[in-house]
Amino acid sequence: MLLGFSVLLADEAVFYKVQGIKFVVITTAMDDFIFIADSTESTALVKIQMNKHFELVDLGPINWLLGVSIVHSIKDQTITLGQEAYVDQILVHIFCWARGHFLERQEATYHHLVQH
């Protein structure tokens, strides 16, 4: 499949294509792809090209990666990364703290094992 991408020398699971001020970066992990591009149009074009060779299932914008929440605002041109889930785990595990109050040790163990 020739789509004009180069392989990043530092990581063979990362592909990139740059044309003037337009760029697309694709990171891969097994059968998951993360697209990073200068615009949604650039991403859409690459997805159309890739769909000619195999079926892609578009899961929409990325929200989580390796336990980090990701919020992207095209309007504000910002990307916000958060580790709230990790901080919550630490608070429950070490300090028995959840939902704004201290928990009894037994309740903290229950909170850790059960999704709320």
C-alpha atoms as a PDB file:
ATOM      1  CA  MET A   1       0.000   0.000   0.000  1.00  0.00           C
ATOM      2  CA  LEU A   2       1.625   3.220  -1.126  1.00  0.00           C
ATOM      3  CA  LEU A   3       0.144   6.332   0.433  1.00  0.00           C
ATOM      4  CA  GLY A   4       3.365   8.328   0.594  1.00  0.00           C
ATOM      5  CA  PHE A   5       4.081   7.992   4.296  1.00  0.00           C
ATOM      6  CA  SER A   6       7.544   7.697   5.808  1.00  0.00           C
ATOM      7  CA  VAL A   7       8.416   5.605   8.851  1.00  0.00           C
ATOM      8  CA  LEU A   8       9.757   7.478  11.852  1.00  0.00           C
ATOM      9  CA  LEU A   9      13.319   6.261  12.463  1.00  0.00           C
ATOM     10  CA  ALA A  10      12.930   6.426  16.255  1.00  0.00           C
ATOM     11  CA  ASP A  11       9.731   4.328  16.254  1.00  0.00           C
ATOM     12  CA  GLU A  12       8.668   1.995  13.441  1.00  0.00           C
ATOM     13  CA  ALA A  13       5.038   2.177  14.620  1.00  0.00           C
ATOM     14  CA  VAL A  14       4.802   5.875  13.710  1.00  0.00           C
ATOM     15  CA  PHE A  15       4.209   7.040  10.144  1.00  0.00           C
ATOM     16  CA  TYR A  16       4.238  10.602   8.858  1.00  0.00           C
ATOM     17  CA  LYS A  17       3.651  12.609   5.711  1.00  0.00           C
ATOM     18  CA  VAL A  18       4.455  16.301   5.284  1.00  0.00           C
ATOM     19  CA  GLN A  19       3.452  18.359   2.252  1.00  0.00           C
ATOM     20  CA  GLY A  20       4.200  22.057   2.696  1.00  0.00           C
ATOM     21  CA  ILE A  21       2.263  23.199   5.753  1.00  0.00           C
ATOM     22  CA  LYS A  22       0.010  20.115   5.733  1.00  0.00           C
ATOM     23  CA  PHE A  23       0.968  17.058   7.775  1.00  0.00           C
ATOM     24  CA  VAL A  24      -0.447  13.762   8.992  1.00  0.00           C
ATOM     25  CA  VAL A  25       1.079  11.534  11.665  1.00  0.00           C
ATOM     26  CA  ILE A  26      -0.309   8.044  12.306  1.00  0.00           C
ATOM     27  CA  THR A  27       0.652   6.094  15.392  1.00  0.00           C
ATOM     28  CA  THR A  28      -0.137   2.403  15.402  1.00  0.00           C
ATOM     29  CA  ALA A  29      -0.584  -0.203  18.115  1.00  0.00           C
ATOM     30  CA  MET A  30      -1.835  -3.591  16.964  1.00  0.00           C
ATOM     31  CA  ASP A  31      -5.050  -2.701  15.119  1.00  0.00           C
ATOM     32  CA  ASP A  32      -5.457   0.788  16.612  1.00  0.00           C
ATOM     33  CA  PHE A  33      -4.494   3.980  14.818  1.00  0.00           C
ATOM     34  CA  ILE A  34      -4.225   7.484  16.213  1.00  0.00           C
ATOM     35  CA  PHE A  35      -4.281  10.258  13.619  1.00  0.00           C
ATOM     36  CA  ILE A  36      -2.646  13.614  14.290  1.00  0.00           C
ATOM     37  CA  ALA A  37      -2.937  16.179  11.514  1.00  0.00           C
ATOM     38  CA  ASP A  38      -2.988  19.839  10.632  1.00  0.00           C
ATOM     39  CA  SER A  39      -6.746  19.629   9.982  1.00  0.00           C
ATOM     40  CA  THR A  40      -9.746  17.332  10.092  1.00  0.00           C
ATOM     41  CA  GLU A  41      -9.770  17.472   6.284  1.00  0.00           C
ATOM     42  CA  SER A  42      -6.250  16.008   6.095  1.00  0.00           C
ATOM     43  CA  THR A  43      -7.250  13.219   8.468  1.00  0.00           C
ATOM     44  CA  ALA A  44     -10.442  12.494   6.513  1.00  0.00           C
ATOM     45  CA  LEU A  45      -8.512  12.239   3.231  1.00  0.00           C
ATOM     46  CA  VAL A  46      -6.037   9.723   4.679  1.00  0.00           C
ATOM     47  CA  LYS A  47      -8.875   7.665   6.170  1.00  0.00           C
ATOM     48  CA  ILE A  48     -10.589   7.547   2.756  1.00  0.00           C
ATOM     49  CA  GLN A  49      -7.340   6.403   1.134  1.00  0.00           C
ATOM     50  CA  MET A  50      -6.748   3.745   3.793  1.00  0.00           C
ATOM     51  CA  ASN A  51     -10.351   2.498   3.510  1.00  0.00           C
ATOM     52  CA  LYS A  52      -9.614   1.580  -0.114  1.00  0.00           C
ATOM     53  CA  HIS A  53      -7.180  -1.062   1.189  1.00  0.00           C
ATOM     54  CA  PHE A  54      -8.917  -2.278   4.369  1.00  0.00           C
ATOM     55  CA  GLU A  55     -11.917  -1.438   6.518  1.00  0.00           C
ATOM     56  CA  LEU A  56     -11.393   1.200   9.174  1.00  0.00           C
ATOM     57  CA  VAL A  57     -13.781   1.675  12.066  1.00  0.00           C
ATOM     58  CA  ASP A  58     -13.744   5.304  13.133  1.00  0.00           C
ATOM     59  CA  LEU A  59     -14.198   5.557  16.902  1.00  0.00           C
ATOM     60  CA  GLY A  60     -14.225   9.353  16.819  1.00  0.00           C
ATOM     61  CA  PRO A  61     -11.904  11.775  18.564  1.00  0.00           C
ATOM     62  CA  ILE A  62      -9.484  10.338  21.090  1.00  0.00           C
ATOM     63  CA  ASN A  63     -10.516  10.764  24.734  1.00  0.00           C
ATOM     64  CA  TRP A  64      -8.083   8.496  26.611  1.00  0.00           C
ATOM     65  CA  LEU A  65      -4.545   7.249  25.944  1.00  0.00           C
ATOM     66  CA  LEU A  66      -2.541   5.197  28.438  1.00  0.00           C
ATOM     67  CA  GLY A  67      -4.669   6.405  31.346  1.00  0.00           C
ATOM     68  CA  VAL A  68      -4.459  10.073  30.376  1.00  0.00           C
ATOM     69  CA  SER A  69      -7.622  11.985  29.457  1.00  0.00           C
ATOM     70  CA  ILE A  70      -7.373  14.081  26.309  1.00  0.00           C
ATOM     71  CA  VAL A  71      -9.548  17.080  25.493  1.00  0.00           C
ATOM     72  CA  HIS A  72      -8.956  18.790  22.155  1.00  0.00           C
ATOM     73  CA  SER A  73     -10.536  22.118  21.253  1.00  0.00           C
ATOM     74  CA  ILE A  74     -10.219  23.041  17.602  1.00  0.00           C
ATOM     75  CA  LYS A  75     -11.876  26.401  18.293  1.00  0.00           C
ATOM     76  CA  ASP A  76      -9.397  27.323  21.059  1.00  0.00           C
ATOM     77  CA  GLN A  77      -6.498  25.447  19.398  1.00  0.00           C
ATOM     78  CA  THR A  78      -5.694  23.649  22.652  1.00  0.00           C
ATOM     79  CA  ILE A  79      -5.026  20.131  23.865  1.00  0.00           C
ATOM     80  CA  THR A  80      -5.580  19.428  27.553  1.00  0.00           C
ATOM     81  CA  LEU A  81      -4.142  16.318  29.189  1.00  0.00           C
ATOM     82  CA  GLY A  82      -5.408  15.116  32.547  1.00  0.00           C
ATOM     83  CA  GLN A  83      -4.603  12.391  35.023  1.00  0.00           C
ATOM     84  CA  GLU A  84      -7.728  12.601  37.169  1.00  0.00           C
ATOM     85  CA  ALA A  85      -8.261   8.826  37.155  1.00  0.00           C
ATOM     86  CA  TYR A  86      -4.684   8.232  38.324  1.00  0.00           C
ATOM     87  CA  VAL A  87      -4.996  10.847  41.074  1.00  0.00           C
ATOM     88  CA  ASP A  88      -8.300   9.295  42.183  1.00  0.00           C
ATOM     89  CA  GLN A  89      -6.622   5.867  42.390  1.00  0.00           C
ATOM     90  CA  ILE A  90      -3.835   7.276  44.556  1.00  0.00           C
ATOM     91  CA  LEU A  91      -6.294   9.055  46.847  1.00  0.00           C
ATOM     92  CA  VAL A  92      -8.366   5.915  47.369  1.00  0.00           C
ATOM     93  CA  HIS A  93      -5.399   3.560  47.650  1.00  0.00           C
ATOM     94  CA  ILE A  94      -3.157   5.566  49.931  1.00  0.00           C
ATOM     95  CA  PHE A  95      -5.370   8.079  51.699  1.00  0.00           C
ATOM     96  CA  CYS A  96      -8.777   6.314  51.625  1.00  0.00           C
ATOM     97  CA  TRP A  97     -10.303   9.447  50.071  1.00  0.00           C
ATOM     98  CA  ALA A  98     -13.172   9.406  47.554  1.00  0.00           C
ATOM     99  CA  ARG A  99     -16.111  11.603  46.677  1.00  0.00           C
ATOM    100  CA  GLY A 100     -14.973  14.376  48.984  1.00  0.00           C
ATOM    101  CA  HIS A 101     -14.596  12.411  52.214  1.00  0.00           C
ATOM    102  CA  PHE A 102     -12.391   9.877  53.947  1.00  0.00           C
ATOM    103  CA  LEU A 103     -13.490   6.260  53.671  1.00  0.00           C
ATOM    104  CA  GLU A 104     -13.165   3.436  56.120  1.00  0.00           C
ATOM    105  CA  ARG A 105     -10.480   0.950  54.966  1.00  0.00           C
ATOM    106  CA  GLN A 106     -13.135  -1.666  54.062  1.00  0.00           C
ATOM    107  CA  GLU A 107     -15.138   0.882  52.045  1.00  0.00           C
ATOM    108  CA  ALA A 108     -11.934   2.048  50.296  1.00  0.00           C
ATOM    109  CA  THR A 109     -11.186  -1.524  49.218  1.00  0.00           C
ATOM    110  CA  TYR A 110     -14.759  -1.880  47.924  1.00  0.00           C
ATOM    111  CA  HIS A 111     -14.489   1.481  46.107  1.00  0.00           C
ATOM    112  CA  HIS A 112     -11.238   0.334  44.453  1.00  0.00           C
ATOM    113  CA  LEU A 113     -12.751  -2.954  43.246  1.00  0.00           C
ATOM    114  CA  VAL A 114     -16.126  -1.696  42.017  1.00  0.00           C
ATOM    115  CA  GLN A 115     -16.697   0.824  39.239  1.00  0.00           C
ATOM    116  CA  HIS A 116     -18.884   3.754  40.361  1.00  0.00           C
END
